[in-house]
Protein backbone atom coordinates (compact mmCIF):
# COMPACT_ATOMS: atom_id res chain seq x y z
CA MET A 1 29.62 89.81 -119.47
CA GLU A 2 26.54 87.68 -118.83
CA ARG A 3 23.17 88.59 -120.27
CA ALA A 4 19.70 87.30 -119.65
CA THR A 5 19.02 84.70 -122.30
CA PHE A 6 15.73 83.73 -123.82
CA SER A 7 14.04 80.81 -122.09
CA LYS A 8 12.67 78.14 -124.44
CA TYR A 9 9.24 76.68 -123.81
CA SER A 10 9.38 73.17 -122.33
CA TRP A 11 7.10 70.48 -120.93
CA VAL A 12 7.60 72.04 -117.48
CA ASP A 13 6.07 75.29 -118.73
CA PHE A 14 3.14 73.37 -120.21
CA PHE A 15 2.68 71.48 -116.94
CA PHE A 16 2.63 74.72 -114.95
CA SER A 17 0.08 76.21 -117.35
CA VAL A 18 -2.24 73.22 -116.97
CA ILE A 19 -1.88 73.11 -113.18
CA GLY A 20 -2.40 76.87 -113.07
CA VAL A 21 -5.78 76.70 -114.82
CA CYS A 22 -6.79 73.70 -112.67
CA THR A 23 -5.89 75.66 -109.52
CA PHE A 24 -7.87 78.64 -110.78
CA LEU A 25 -10.97 76.52 -111.50
CA VAL A 26 -10.77 74.67 -108.16
CA ASP A 27 -10.38 77.92 -106.25
CA TRP A 28 -13.27 79.48 -108.17
CA GLY A 29 -15.43 76.39 -107.61
CA SER A 30 -14.72 76.40 -103.87
CA ASP A 31 -15.71 80.09 -103.73
CA VAL A 32 -19.05 79.33 -105.39
CA TRP A 33 -19.60 76.43 -102.99
CA VAL A 34 -18.85 78.59 -99.94
CA ALA A 35 -21.15 81.38 -101.16
CA THR A 36 -23.94 78.87 -101.89
CA GLU A 37 -23.61 77.31 -98.42
CA PHE A 38 -23.87 80.69 -96.73
CA TYR A 39 -26.89 81.64 -98.82
CA CYS A 40 -28.72 78.35 -98.17
CA ARG A 41 -28.16 78.71 -94.43
CA GLY A 42 -29.54 82.23 -94.44
CA GLU A 43 -26.17 83.81 -93.57
CA LEU A 44 -26.57 86.58 -96.12
CA PHE A 45 -23.87 88.82 -94.68
CA TRP A 46 -21.14 86.20 -95.21
CA PHE A 47 -22.66 85.39 -98.59
CA TRP A 48 -22.25 88.97 -99.78
CA VAL A 49 -18.74 89.24 -98.34
CA VAL A 50 -17.63 86.16 -100.29
CA VAL A 51 -19.35 87.38 -103.46
CA GLY A 52 -17.79 90.82 -102.98
CA LEU A 53 -14.29 89.32 -102.74
CA MET A 54 -14.91 87.26 -105.87
CA VAL A 55 -16.18 90.28 -107.83
CA LEU A 56 -13.39 92.59 -106.61
CA SER A 57 -10.69 90.08 -107.48
CA SER A 58 -12.16 89.34 -110.89
CA VAL A 59 -12.60 93.01 -111.81
CA VAL A 60 -9.04 93.93 -110.80
CA VAL A 61 -7.52 91.00 -112.72
CA GLN A 62 -9.63 91.74 -115.82
CA MET A 63 -8.53 95.39 -115.70
CA PHE A 64 -4.86 94.43 -115.64
CA SER A 65 -5.43 91.93 -118.44
CA TRP A 66 -7.22 94.54 -120.56
CA PHE A 67 -4.53 97.19 -119.99
CA TRP A 68 -1.87 94.71 -121.07
CA PHE A 69 -3.84 93.57 -124.09
CA LYS A 70 -4.15 97.15 -125.36
CA TYR A 71 -0.45 97.76 -124.79
CA ASP A 72 0.66 94.52 -126.48
CA ARG A 73 -1.31 95.36 -129.61
CA GLN A 74 0.98 98.37 -130.11
CA LEU A 75 4.16 96.27 -130.14
CA GLN A 76 5.32 95.51 -133.67
CA MET A 77 7.47 92.63 -132.46
CA PHE A 78 4.48 91.11 -130.65
CA SER A 79 2.24 91.13 -133.72
CA ALA A 80 5.03 89.91 -135.98
CA ARG A 81 5.89 86.94 -133.78
CA THR A 82 2.29 85.87 -133.08
CA GLU A 83 1.15 84.89 -136.54
CA GLY A 84 -2.12 83.50 -135.21
CA GLY A 85 -3.06 86.87 -133.68
CA THR A 86 -2.66 88.23 -130.19
CA VAL A 87 -4.00 86.67 -127.04
CA PHE A 88 -7.66 86.80 -128.01
CA PHE A 89 -8.81 85.52 -131.39
CA ARG A 90 -6.80 87.24 -134.11
CA ASP A 91 -6.62 90.70 -132.57
CA GLN A 92 -10.39 91.29 -132.42
CA VAL A 93 -10.54 94.15 -129.96
CA LYS A 94 -14.32 94.26 -129.59
CA LEU A 95 -14.52 90.54 -128.85
CA SER A 96 -11.69 90.86 -126.33
CA CYS A 97 -13.45 93.78 -124.66
CA VAL A 98 -16.66 91.75 -124.36
CA LEU A 99 -14.76 88.83 -122.83
CA HIS A 100 -13.18 91.11 -120.23
CA VAL A 101 -16.52 92.74 -119.41
CA LEU A 102 -17.98 89.25 -118.93
CA GLN A 103 -15.04 88.49 -116.59
CA LEU A 104 -13.68 85.81 -118.93
CA GLY A 105 -10.44 87.48 -120.01
CA PHE A 106 -8.27 85.76 -117.40
CA LEU A 107 -9.70 82.33 -118.24
CA CYS A 108 -9.18 82.96 -121.96
CA ARG A 109 -5.56 83.82 -121.27
CA HIS A 110 -5.17 80.46 -119.53
CA ILE A 111 -6.74 78.64 -122.48
CA SER A 112 -4.63 80.60 -124.96
CA ALA A 113 -1.43 79.76 -123.06
CA ILE A 114 -2.28 76.04 -122.94
CA ARG A 115 -3.20 76.02 -126.65
CA GLN A 116 -0.01 77.82 -127.67
CA GLY A 117 2.10 75.71 -125.32
CA PHE A 118 0.67 72.49 -126.75
CA ARG A 119 1.49 73.63 -130.27
CA VAL A 120 5.06 74.50 -129.33
CA TRP A 121 5.92 71.62 -126.99
CA TRP A 122 3.96 68.70 -128.44
CA ARG A 123 3.69 69.57 -132.13
CA LYS A 124 7.11 71.26 -132.26
CA GLU A 125 5.65 74.29 -134.04
CA GLU A 126 7.14 77.78 -133.97
CA GLY A 127 6.06 80.34 -131.38
CA SER A 128 8.12 79.41 -128.33
CA GLU A 129 8.75 83.06 -127.45
CA TYR A 130 5.04 83.84 -127.62
CA ALA A 131 4.20 80.89 -125.36
CA VAL A 132 6.75 82.01 -122.77
CA TYR A 133 5.41 85.57 -123.05
CA LEU A 134 1.90 84.34 -122.19
CA THR A 135 3.05 82.27 -119.21
CA HIS A 136 4.87 85.25 -117.71
CA ASP A 137 1.73 87.40 -117.89
CA LEU A 138 -0.31 84.61 -116.30
CA SER A 139 2.20 84.39 -113.46
CA MET A 140 1.71 88.06 -112.61
CA LEU A 141 -2.08 87.85 -112.95
CA ARG A 142 -2.14 84.84 -110.60
CA LEU A 143 -0.17 86.86 -108.08
CA ILE A 144 -2.72 89.68 -108.26
CA GLU A 145 -5.68 87.28 -108.09
CA THR A 146 -4.19 85.51 -105.07
CA PHE A 147 -3.82 88.60 -102.93
CA CYS A 148 -7.11 90.12 -104.09
CA GLU A 149 -9.13 86.99 -103.29
CA SER A 150 -7.33 83.95 -101.86
CA ALA A 151 -5.53 85.71 -98.99
CA PRO A 152 -8.59 87.77 -97.90
CA GLN A 153 -10.85 84.73 -98.22
CA LEU A 154 -8.47 82.61 -96.15
CA THR A 155 -8.62 85.30 -93.47
CA LEU A 156 -12.41 85.38 -93.72
CA MET A 157 -12.82 81.61 -93.36
CA ILE A 158 -10.56 81.47 -90.31
CA TYR A 159 -12.48 84.40 -88.81
CA VAL A 160 -15.84 82.68 -89.39
CA MET A 161 -14.54 79.53 -87.68
CA LEU A 162 -13.32 81.55 -84.70
CA HIS A 163 -16.48 83.67 -84.54
CA THR A 164 -18.90 80.74 -84.64
CA ASN A 165 -16.59 78.40 -82.70
CA LYS A 166 -17.34 75.62 -85.19
CA ALA A 167 -16.22 74.52 -88.62
CA ARG A 168 -18.03 72.92 -91.53
CA THR A 169 -16.61 70.87 -94.38
CA VAL A 170 -17.08 73.68 -96.87
CA GLN A 171 -14.95 75.99 -94.74
CA PHE A 172 -12.10 73.47 -94.61
CA VAL A 173 -12.35 73.08 -98.38
CA SER A 174 -12.19 76.85 -98.84
CA ILE A 175 -9.18 77.14 -96.52
CA ALA A 176 -7.42 74.32 -98.37
CA ALA A 177 -8.18 75.87 -101.78
CA SER A 178 -7.01 79.34 -100.72
CA THR A 179 -3.82 77.96 -99.16
CA THR A 180 -3.09 75.91 -102.28
CA SER A 181 -3.64 78.97 -104.45
CA ILE A 182 -1.22 81.03 -102.37
CA ALA A 183 1.37 78.25 -102.35
CA TRP A 184 1.13 77.73 -106.10
CA MET A 185 1.36 81.45 -106.76
CA VAL A 186 4.56 81.71 -104.73
CA VAL A 187 6.29 78.89 -106.61
CA ASP A 188 5.00 79.95 -110.02
CA TYR A 189 5.98 83.60 -109.55
CA HIS A 190 9.49 82.75 -108.39
CA ARG A 191 9.94 80.33 -111.27
CA SER A 192 8.88 83.05 -113.70
CA LEU A 193 11.41 85.48 -112.22
CA ARG A 194 14.18 82.88 -112.44
CA SER A 195 13.74 82.59 -116.21
CA PHE A 196 15.11 86.13 -116.63
CA LEU A 197 18.42 85.36 -114.95
CA PRO A 198 21.65 85.08 -116.95
CA ASP A 199 22.89 81.51 -117.41
CA LYS A 200 25.70 82.22 -114.96
CA ALA A 201 23.23 82.88 -112.15
CA LYS A 202 20.58 80.22 -112.84
CA GLN A 203 18.86 78.96 -109.71
CA GLY A 204 17.74 75.40 -109.02
CA TRP A 205 14.49 74.14 -107.57
CA CYS A 206 15.95 74.28 -104.06
CA SER A 207 15.91 78.08 -104.28
CA SER A 208 12.18 77.98 -105.15
CA LEU A 209 11.56 75.68 -102.19
CA ILE A 210 13.24 78.08 -99.75
CA TYR A 211 11.45 81.03 -101.38
CA PHE A 212 8.15 79.18 -100.99
CA LEU A 213 8.82 78.37 -97.32
CA TRP A 214 9.72 81.87 -96.20
CA ASN A 215 6.73 83.38 -97.98
CA LEU A 216 4.25 80.84 -96.63
CA LEU A 217 5.70 81.00 -93.09
CA LEU A 218 5.38 84.80 -93.07
CA ILE A 219 1.96 84.99 -94.72
CA ALA A 220 0.36 82.39 -92.42
CA PRO A 221 0.94 84.27 -89.12
CA ARG A 222 -0.14 87.51 -90.79
CA VAL A 223 -3.44 86.00 -91.92
CA MET A 224 -3.98 84.39 -88.53
CA ALA A 225 -3.31 87.64 -86.65
CA LEU A 226 -5.84 89.50 -88.82
CA ALA A 227 -8.45 86.76 -88.29
CA LEU A 228 -7.92 86.74 -84.52
CA PHE A 229 -8.23 90.52 -84.32
CA ALA A 230 -11.40 90.44 -86.43
CA SER A 231 -12.90 87.76 -84.16
CA VAL A 232 -12.97 90.18 -81.21
CA LEU A 233 -13.25 93.59 -82.92
CA SER A 234 -14.83 92.82 -86.29
CA GLY A 235 -16.04 96.40 -86.72
CA TYR A 236 -12.48 97.74 -86.77
CA ILE A 237 -10.86 95.41 -89.31
CA ALA A 238 -12.13 97.50 -92.27
CA ALA A 239 -10.69 100.67 -90.71
CA HIS A 240 -7.41 98.83 -90.09
CA PHE A 241 -7.21 97.74 -93.73
CA LEU A 242 -8.07 101.18 -95.11
CA MET A 243 -5.54 102.91 -92.87
CA LEU A 244 -2.67 100.55 -93.69
CA GLY A 245 -3.72 100.33 -97.33
CA LEU A 246 -3.52 104.09 -97.73
CA ILE A 247 -0.08 104.15 -96.12
CA PHE A 248 1.16 101.39 -98.42
CA VAL A 249 -0.25 103.03 -101.56
CA LEU A 250 1.50 106.30 -100.69
CA TRP A 251 4.71 104.39 -100.01
CA ALA A 252 4.47 102.69 -103.40
CA TRP A 253 3.95 106.11 -105.00
CA ARG A 254 6.96 107.52 -103.18
CA GLN A 255 9.10 104.68 -104.50
CA GLY A 256 8.34 105.85 -108.03
CA THR A 257 6.78 102.73 -109.49
CA ASP A 258 6.80 102.56 -113.27
CA PHE A 259 5.10 99.28 -114.15
CA MET A 260 2.09 100.19 -116.29
CA ASP A 261 1.90 102.24 -119.48
CA SER A 262 -0.72 104.78 -118.40
CA VAL A 263 -1.37 106.98 -115.39
CA GLY A 264 -4.63 105.21 -114.54
CA GLY A 265 -3.01 101.81 -114.90
CA GLU A 266 -0.11 102.84 -112.68
CA TRP A 267 -2.42 103.94 -109.86
CA LEU A 268 -4.30 100.66 -110.20
CA TYR A 269 -0.97 98.89 -109.82
CA ARG A 270 -0.03 100.96 -106.75
CA ALA A 271 -3.38 100.19 -105.13
CA THR A 272 -2.79 96.50 -105.83
CA VAL A 273 0.70 96.71 -104.35
CA GLY A 274 -0.85 98.26 -101.23
CA LEU A 275 -3.16 95.25 -100.97
CA ILE A 276 -0.26 92.82 -101.44
CA TRP A 277 1.79 94.59 -98.78
CA TYR A 278 -1.09 94.18 -96.37
CA PHE A 279 -0.26 90.46 -96.40
CA SER A 280 3.29 90.05 -97.70
CA TRP A 281 6.42 91.83 -98.88
CA PHE A 282 6.67 92.63 -102.60
CA ASN A 283 9.54 94.58 -104.12
CA VAL A 284 8.45 97.27 -106.58
CA ALA A 285 11.55 99.46 -106.95
CA GLU A 286 14.97 98.82 -108.40
CA GLY A 287 18.18 98.98 -106.42
CA GLN A 288 19.30 97.82 -103.00
CA THR A 289 16.15 97.39 -100.97
CA ARG A 290 17.45 95.86 -97.76
CA GLY A 291 16.48 99.03 -95.93
CA ARG A 292 12.96 99.03 -97.36
CA SER A 293 12.54 95.38 -96.47
CA ILE A 294 13.67 95.99 -92.88
CA ILE A 295 11.27 98.93 -92.56
CA TYR A 296 8.40 96.84 -93.91
CA HIS A 297 9.00 93.82 -91.67
CA SER A 298 9.49 96.02 -88.63
CA PHE A 299 6.20 97.75 -89.37
CA ILE A 300 4.32 94.50 -90.03
CA THR A 301 5.82 92.83 -86.94
CA THR A 302 4.73 95.74 -84.77
CA ASP A 303 1.28 95.78 -86.32
CA GLY A 304 0.92 92.03 -85.91
CA GLY A 305 1.96 92.29 -82.28
CA ILE A 306 -0.68 94.97 -81.65
CA LEU A 307 -3.34 92.81 -83.32
CA LEU A 308 -2.45 89.76 -81.20
CA VAL A 309 -2.28 91.74 -77.94
CA THR A 310 -5.69 93.23 -78.74
CA TRP A 311 -7.11 89.77 -79.34
CA TRP A 312 -5.59 88.48 -76.09
CA CYS A 313 -7.15 91.32 -74.10
CA TYR A 314 -10.63 91.05 -75.64
CA ARG A 315 -10.90 87.28 -76.13
CA ASP A 316 -13.27 85.03 -74.24
CA PRO A 317 -11.02 83.27 -71.67
CA VAL A 318 -13.37 80.30 -71.36
CA GLN A 319 -13.65 79.50 -75.08
CA THR A 320 -9.97 80.13 -75.87
CA GLU A 321 -8.39 78.68 -72.74
CA SER A 322 -7.47 75.40 -74.43
CA TYR A 323 -5.51 76.90 -77.31
CA ALA A 324 -4.78 80.63 -76.75
CA LEU A 325 -1.26 80.43 -75.32
CA THR A 326 -0.21 77.56 -77.59
CA LEU A 327 -1.48 79.46 -80.62
CA LEU A 328 0.47 82.59 -79.73
CA ILE A 329 3.69 80.63 -79.22
CA ASN A 330 3.24 78.75 -82.49
CA LEU A 331 2.56 81.96 -84.43
CA LEU A 332 5.72 83.51 -83.01
CA VAL A 333 7.81 80.44 -83.86
CA ILE A 334 6.39 80.23 -87.40
CA TYR A 335 7.04 83.92 -88.01
CA LEU A 336 10.63 83.66 -86.75
CA LEU A 337 11.15 80.60 -88.95
CA GLY A 338 9.86 82.61 -91.90
CA LEU A 339 12.38 85.37 -91.24
CA LEU A 340 15.10 82.74 -90.84
CA PHE A 341 14.26 81.12 -94.18
CA LYS A 342 14.17 84.52 -95.85
CA THR A 343 17.63 85.31 -94.48
CA LEU A 344 18.83 81.88 -95.62
CA TYR A 345 17.49 82.49 -99.11
CA TYR A 346 19.25 85.82 -99.55
CA CYS A 347 22.48 84.56 -98.02
CA CYS A 348 22.75 81.26 -99.90
CA PHE A 349 20.45 81.21 -102.94
CA HIS A 350 19.82 84.76 -104.13
CA PRO A 351 22.41 85.81 -106.77
CA LYS A 352 23.94 89.22 -106.31
CA LEU A 353 23.36 90.99 -109.57
CA TRP A 354 24.76 94.26 -110.77
CA ARG A 355 24.11 96.33 -113.88
CA PRO A 356 26.69 98.98 -114.84
CA PRO A 357 25.09 101.92 -116.65
CA VAL A 358 27.85 101.92 -119.29
CA ARG A 359 30.24 99.19 -120.38
CA GLU A 360 33.66 100.73 -119.87
CA PRO A 361 36.83 99.21 -121.41
CA GLY A 362 38.48 98.90 -118.02
CA LEU A 363 35.69 96.89 -116.42
CA PRO A 364 36.99 93.42 -115.46
CA ASP A 365 35.41 90.39 -117.15
CA ASP A 366 36.41 87.80 -114.56
CA LEU A 367 33.72 88.58 -111.98
CA PRO A 368 32.90 86.14 -109.19
CA ASP A 369 30.06 83.73 -109.93
CA ALA A 370 27.84 85.38 -107.30
CA GLU A 371 28.05 88.77 -108.99
CA VAL A 372 26.73 88.78 -112.53
CA SER A 373 25.18 91.42 -114.72
CA PHE A 374 21.46 91.55 -115.43
CA ARG A 375 20.14 93.18 -118.58
CA ASP A 376 16.71 93.23 -120.10
CA VAL A 377 17.15 91.73 -123.57
CA SER A 378 14.24 93.83 -124.85
CA ILE A 379 16.48 96.91 -124.70
CA GLN A 380 19.62 95.41 -126.20
CA ASP A 381 21.35 97.40 -128.88
CA GLY A 382 20.36 97.02 -132.52
CA THR A 383 23.26 94.72 -133.36
CA LEU A 384 21.47 91.87 -131.63
CA SER A 385 18.35 90.14 -132.93
CA PRO A 386 15.25 91.41 -131.12
CA GLN A 387 13.47 89.09 -128.72
CA LEU A 388 9.80 88.95 -127.80
CA LEU A 389 10.41 89.48 -124.09
CA ASN A 390 7.80 90.25 -121.46
CA LYS A 391 8.89 93.70 -120.34
CA ARG A 392 6.57 93.68 -117.32
CA MET A 393 8.01 90.54 -115.75
CA ALA A 394 11.54 91.48 -116.82
CA CYS A 395 11.05 94.71 -114.85
CA HIS A 396 9.96 92.77 -111.75
CA ALA A 397 12.88 90.37 -112.15
CA ALA A 398 15.31 93.31 -112.29
CA HIS A 399 13.74 94.73 -109.13
CA PHE A 400 13.82 91.41 -107.33
CA TYR A 401 17.35 90.36 -108.24
CA SER A 402 18.87 93.77 -107.62
CA GLU A 403 17.42 93.61 -104.10
CA GLN A 404 20.61 92.62 -102.34
CA GLY A 405 22.83 93.29 -105.32
CA VAL A 406 26.26 94.83 -105.60
CA ILE A 407 26.42 97.85 -107.91
CA ARG A 408 29.83 98.54 -109.35
CA ASN A 409 31.47 101.10 -111.57
CA THR A 410 34.91 101.42 -113.14
CA ASP A 411 35.91 103.45 -110.12
CA SER A 412 36.08 100.90 -107.31
CA THR A 413 35.72 103.59 -104.69
CA ASN A 414 32.31 104.73 -105.92
CA ARG A 415 28.92 103.06 -106.14
CA ALA A 416 26.86 103.65 -109.26
CA GLU A 417 23.10 103.65 -109.15
CA PRO A 418 21.49 101.13 -111.52
CA SER A 419 19.73 102.54 -114.54
CA ASN A 420 16.01 102.04 -115.01
CA LEU A 421 14.71 99.51 -117.49
């Protein structure tokens, strides 16, 4: 039976950590540039919108980082394996709290990951597990930061261009930075999930490429549809977001999410999931989720169609005559390509994983290569040496890779539900 094995820190991990902090700084710098441009031109409304997105994103990310820091301090394995202290300066809680209040916690995590990665990869020092642990947390925080800031800001910049019917250099820079941030998040997140797979089901870079394509091709039309709708009925976009956001948060609650270690943290996570679902699909529950995915895409497709029809009816025919029909056709083609690539990924690249609740003597060992077991090594029995494994990302990996999985039991006529992590 295959198990998820510990992933050693390599130069690729170090490279991703460095590129990740560079992407973060470039995205942050472009945000400051955009806000400054709006302020200097007297466009105070757009200035405050950009600043509001930056503050909201930063506060949400810092809250997640702080919740995780407090939880990690309680893990004996974590403290034992990180001889130099936890993420922030030898376990100094007050200093860590100040850094988070000053909105520097996320940046310090980046610096800590690069420092630890350099020690492990270049100097060949111990602490590989700790370095991998840090990179997994950063991957999840980048995902949150992307959908709290980059995706909304990309929508905002496209809306401003449509509303004013002109574009400045700073807006193109902001669009490029936001798109790069989204693209990098998609690749980095998928790569982090892949590290939890058993050796028998390891995926190559081609799987990340297909995963990247279907996400980007589905997110782009969604962002464009929101921007087009806002360009004709800007007063209703906030109501649209609040209405759909509430629906998505309730849906996340109904799916019984169990990601954080406190009630307040869990509701913060559900609210964040609602924001992510506003732009893209994100699996939060274990088990076969084909039905949930179909429901989500049907809902989003219908919503997107309503947004585009509304824009078509309220648009200015003179200003949009040169590109309206072509834009609609291209958005439809891109969206269909995104669904096609997603289908291709799950048919050809996504391993079908199953996790029997109990290892029975009669369970066959010679399973097909496409059907392998997935287990979180952090809950292995005491006969095995404990590993410093990131439970949060392991949980997401179990959710993601059980998505189209085959669940078996010793009785071939019955299906067994997978156990929770």
